[in-house]
Amino acid sequence: ELARLNKEIQRLQGEVQRVGGKLSNPAFVDKAPPAVIDKERAKLAEAEQARAKLVEQRARIASL
């Protein structure tokens, strides 16, 4: 279970970095329609929340 959680946390970390990189790119933010930017921000927030939950689960399981 810990291995599965670690793998999923790594996937989400990559997603956070990818979307965060897009949103920190001024060229993307300037050219993209507001709806696309809002969608990317929502994806970033969702990935960060999911990652935080999995990190918490991993800590709980590791302490057993």
N, C-alpha and C. Protein backbone atom coordinates (compact mmCIF):
# COMPACT_ATOMS: atom_id res chain seq x y z
N GLU A 1 0.84 -1.20 0.00
CA GLU A 1 0.00 0.00 0.00
C GLU A 1 0.88 1.25 0.00
N LEU A 2 1.95 1.21 0.77
CA LEU A 2 2.85 2.37 0.80
C LEU A 2 3.45 2.62 -0.58
N ALA A 3 3.81 1.57 -1.27
CA ALA A 3 4.38 1.73 -2.61
C ALA A 3 3.36 2.36 -3.56
N ARG A 4 2.12 1.92 -3.46
CA ARG A 4 1.07 2.49 -4.31
C ARG A 4 0.87 3.97 -4.00
N LEU A 5 0.83 4.29 -2.71
CA LEU A 5 0.66 5.70 -2.32
C LEU A 5 1.84 6.54 -2.80
N ASN A 6 3.05 6.02 -2.66
CA ASN A 6 4.22 6.77 -3.12
C ASN A 6 4.16 7.03 -4.62
N LYS A 7 3.74 6.02 -5.37
CA LYS A 7 3.65 6.16 -6.82
C LYS A 7 2.62 7.23 -7.19
N GLU A 8 1.48 7.19 -6.53
CA GLU A 8 0.42 8.17 -6.80
C GLU A 8 0.86 9.58 -6.37
N ILE A 9 1.54 9.69 -5.26
CA ILE A 9 2.05 10.99 -4.80
C ILE A 9 3.04 11.55 -5.82
N GLN A 10 3.91 10.70 -6.35
CA GLN A 10 4.86 11.14 -7.37
C GLN A 10 4.13 11.62 -8.63
N ARG A 11 3.09 10.91 -9.03
CA ARG A 11 2.32 11.31 -10.21
C ARG A 11 1.68 12.67 -10.00
N LEU A 12 1.09 12.85 -8.82
CA LEU A 12 0.44 14.12 -8.52
C LEU A 12 1.46 15.25 -8.41
N GLN A 13 2.64 14.95 -7.88
CA GLN A 13 3.70 15.95 -7.79
C GLN A 13 4.09 16.43 -9.19
N GLY A 14 4.20 15.50 -10.11
CA GLY A 14 4.50 15.86 -11.50
C GLY A 14 3.41 16.72 -12.10
N GLU A 15 2.18 16.38 -11.81
CA GLU A 15 1.04 17.16 -12.30
C GLU A 15 1.07 18.57 -11.74
N VAL A 16 1.36 18.70 -10.45
CA VAL A 16 1.43 20.02 -9.81
C VAL A 16 2.55 20.85 -10.46
N GLN A 17 3.69 20.23 -10.69
CA GLN A 17 4.80 20.95 -11.31
C GLN A 17 4.47 21.36 -12.74
N ARG A 18 3.83 20.46 -13.49
CA ARG A 18 3.50 20.75 -14.88
C ARG A 18 2.51 21.91 -14.98
N VAL A 19 1.43 21.82 -14.22
CA VAL A 19 0.40 22.86 -14.28
C VAL A 19 0.93 24.17 -13.67
N GLY A 20 1.69 24.04 -12.59
CA GLY A 20 2.28 25.24 -11.98
C GLY A 20 3.23 25.93 -12.94
N GLY A 21 3.98 25.15 -13.70
CA GLY A 21 4.87 25.73 -14.70
C GLY A 21 4.11 26.47 -15.77
N LYS A 22 3.01 25.89 -16.21
CA LYS A 22 2.17 26.57 -17.20
C LYS A 22 1.68 27.91 -16.67
N LEU A 23 1.16 27.87 -15.44
CA LEU A 23 0.57 29.09 -14.87
C LEU A 23 1.62 30.14 -14.52
N SER A 24 2.86 29.73 -14.32
CA SER A 24 3.91 30.71 -14.02
C SER A 24 4.56 31.24 -15.29
N ASN A 25 4.16 30.70 -16.45
CA ASN A 25 4.70 31.14 -17.73
C ASN A 25 3.88 32.36 -18.20
N PRO A 26 4.50 33.54 -18.22
CA PRO A 26 3.75 34.74 -18.64
C PRO A 26 3.18 34.64 -20.05
N ALA A 27 3.87 33.98 -20.95
CA ALA A 27 3.37 33.85 -22.32
C ALA A 27 2.06 33.06 -22.35
N PHE A 28 1.98 31.99 -21.55
CA PHE A 28 0.76 31.19 -21.50
C PHE A 28 -0.38 32.01 -20.89
N VAL A 29 -0.09 32.66 -19.78
CA VAL A 29 -1.13 33.42 -19.06
C VAL A 29 -1.64 34.58 -19.91
N ASP A 30 -0.74 35.23 -20.65
CA ASP A 30 -1.15 36.38 -21.47
C ASP A 30 -1.99 35.96 -22.68
N LYS A 31 -1.69 34.80 -23.26
CA LYS A 31 -2.34 34.40 -24.50
C LYS A 31 -3.57 33.51 -24.30
N ALA A 32 -3.61 32.78 -23.20
CA ALA A 32 -4.71 31.84 -22.99
C ALA A 32 -6.00 32.57 -22.61
N PRO A 33 -7.13 32.04 -23.06
CA PRO A 33 -8.41 32.63 -22.64
C PRO A 33 -8.61 32.44 -21.13
N PRO A 34 -9.34 33.35 -20.50
CA PRO A 34 -9.56 33.25 -19.05
C PRO A 34 -10.16 31.92 -18.61
N ALA A 35 -11.02 31.34 -19.43
CA ALA A 35 -11.63 30.05 -19.06
C ALA A 35 -10.58 28.95 -18.96
N VAL A 36 -9.60 28.98 -19.84
CA VAL A 36 -8.53 27.98 -19.82
C VAL A 36 -7.67 28.17 -18.57
N ILE A 37 -7.36 29.40 -18.25
CA ILE A 37 -6.55 29.70 -17.07
C ILE A 37 -7.29 29.25 -15.81
N ASP A 38 -8.58 29.53 -15.74
CA ASP A 38 -9.37 29.10 -14.58
C ASP A 38 -9.38 27.58 -14.46
N LYS A 39 -9.51 26.89 -15.60
CA LYS A 39 -9.52 25.43 -15.60
C LYS A 39 -8.17 24.89 -15.10
N GLU A 40 -7.08 25.48 -15.54
CA GLU A 40 -5.75 25.05 -15.11
C GLU A 40 -5.55 25.31 -13.61
N ARG A 41 -6.02 26.44 -13.13
CA ARG A 41 -5.92 26.74 -11.69
C ARG A 41 -6.71 25.74 -10.87
N ALA A 42 -7.88 25.36 -11.38
CA ALA A 42 -8.70 24.35 -10.69
C ALA A 42 -7.99 23.00 -10.67
N LYS A 43 -7.35 22.63 -11.80
CA LYS A 43 -6.61 21.37 -11.85
C LYS A 43 -5.45 21.39 -10.86
N LEU A 44 -4.79 22.53 -10.76
CA LEU A 44 -3.67 22.66 -9.83
C LEU A 44 -4.15 22.50 -8.39
N ALA A 45 -5.22 23.18 -8.03
CA ALA A 45 -5.74 23.09 -6.67
C ALA A 45 -6.20 21.66 -6.35
N GLU A 46 -6.85 21.02 -7.31
CA GLU A 46 -7.33 19.65 -7.11
C GLU A 46 -6.16 18.69 -6.90
N ALA A 47 -5.12 18.84 -7.71
CA ALA A 47 -3.95 17.96 -7.59
C ALA A 47 -3.24 18.18 -6.26
N GLU A 48 -3.14 19.43 -5.83
CA GLU A 48 -2.49 19.72 -4.55
C GLU A 48 -3.27 19.13 -3.39
N GLN A 49 -4.59 19.23 -3.43
CA GLN A 49 -5.42 18.66 -2.38
C GLN A 49 -5.31 17.14 -2.34
N ALA A 50 -5.35 16.52 -3.50
CA ALA A 50 -5.25 15.06 -3.57
C ALA A 50 -3.89 14.61 -3.05
N ARG A 51 -2.84 15.32 -3.43
CA ARG A 51 -1.50 14.97 -2.96
C ARG A 51 -1.41 15.09 -1.44
N ALA A 52 -1.98 16.14 -0.89
CA ALA A 52 -1.95 16.35 0.57
C ALA A 52 -2.68 15.21 1.29
N LYS A 53 -3.82 14.78 0.75
CA LYS A 53 -4.56 13.68 1.36
C LYS A 53 -3.74 12.40 1.34
N LEU A 54 -3.08 12.13 0.21
CA LEU A 54 -2.29 10.91 0.10
C LEU A 54 -1.08 10.94 1.01
N VAL A 55 -0.46 12.09 1.15
CA VAL A 55 0.68 12.22 2.07
C VAL A 55 0.22 11.93 3.49
N GLU A 56 -0.96 12.43 3.85
CA GLU A 56 -1.52 12.19 5.17
C GLU A 56 -1.81 10.69 5.37
N GLN A 57 -2.41 10.06 4.35
CA GLN A 57 -2.69 8.61 4.43
C GLN A 57 -1.40 7.82 4.58
N ARG A 58 -0.39 8.20 3.80
CA ARG A 58 0.89 7.49 3.86
C ARG A 58 1.49 7.60 5.26
N ALA A 59 1.41 8.77 5.87
CA ALA A 59 1.95 8.97 7.21
C ALA A 59 1.18 8.10 8.22
N ARG A 60 -0.15 8.06 8.06
CA ARG A 60 -0.96 7.25 8.97
C ARG A 60 -0.63 5.77 8.85
N ILE A 61 -0.48 5.29 7.62
CA ILE A 61 -0.18 3.87 7.42
C ILE A 61 1.23 3.55 7.90
N ALA A 62 2.16 4.44 7.64
CA ALA A 62 3.56 4.20 8.05
C ALA A 62 3.69 4.12 9.57
N SER A 63 2.81 4.80 10.29
CA SER A 63 2.91 4.81 11.74
C SER A 63 2.29 3.55 12.38
N LEU A 64 1.62 2.74 11.59
CA LEU A 64 0.99 1.51 12.14
C LEU A 64 2.02 0.45 12.42
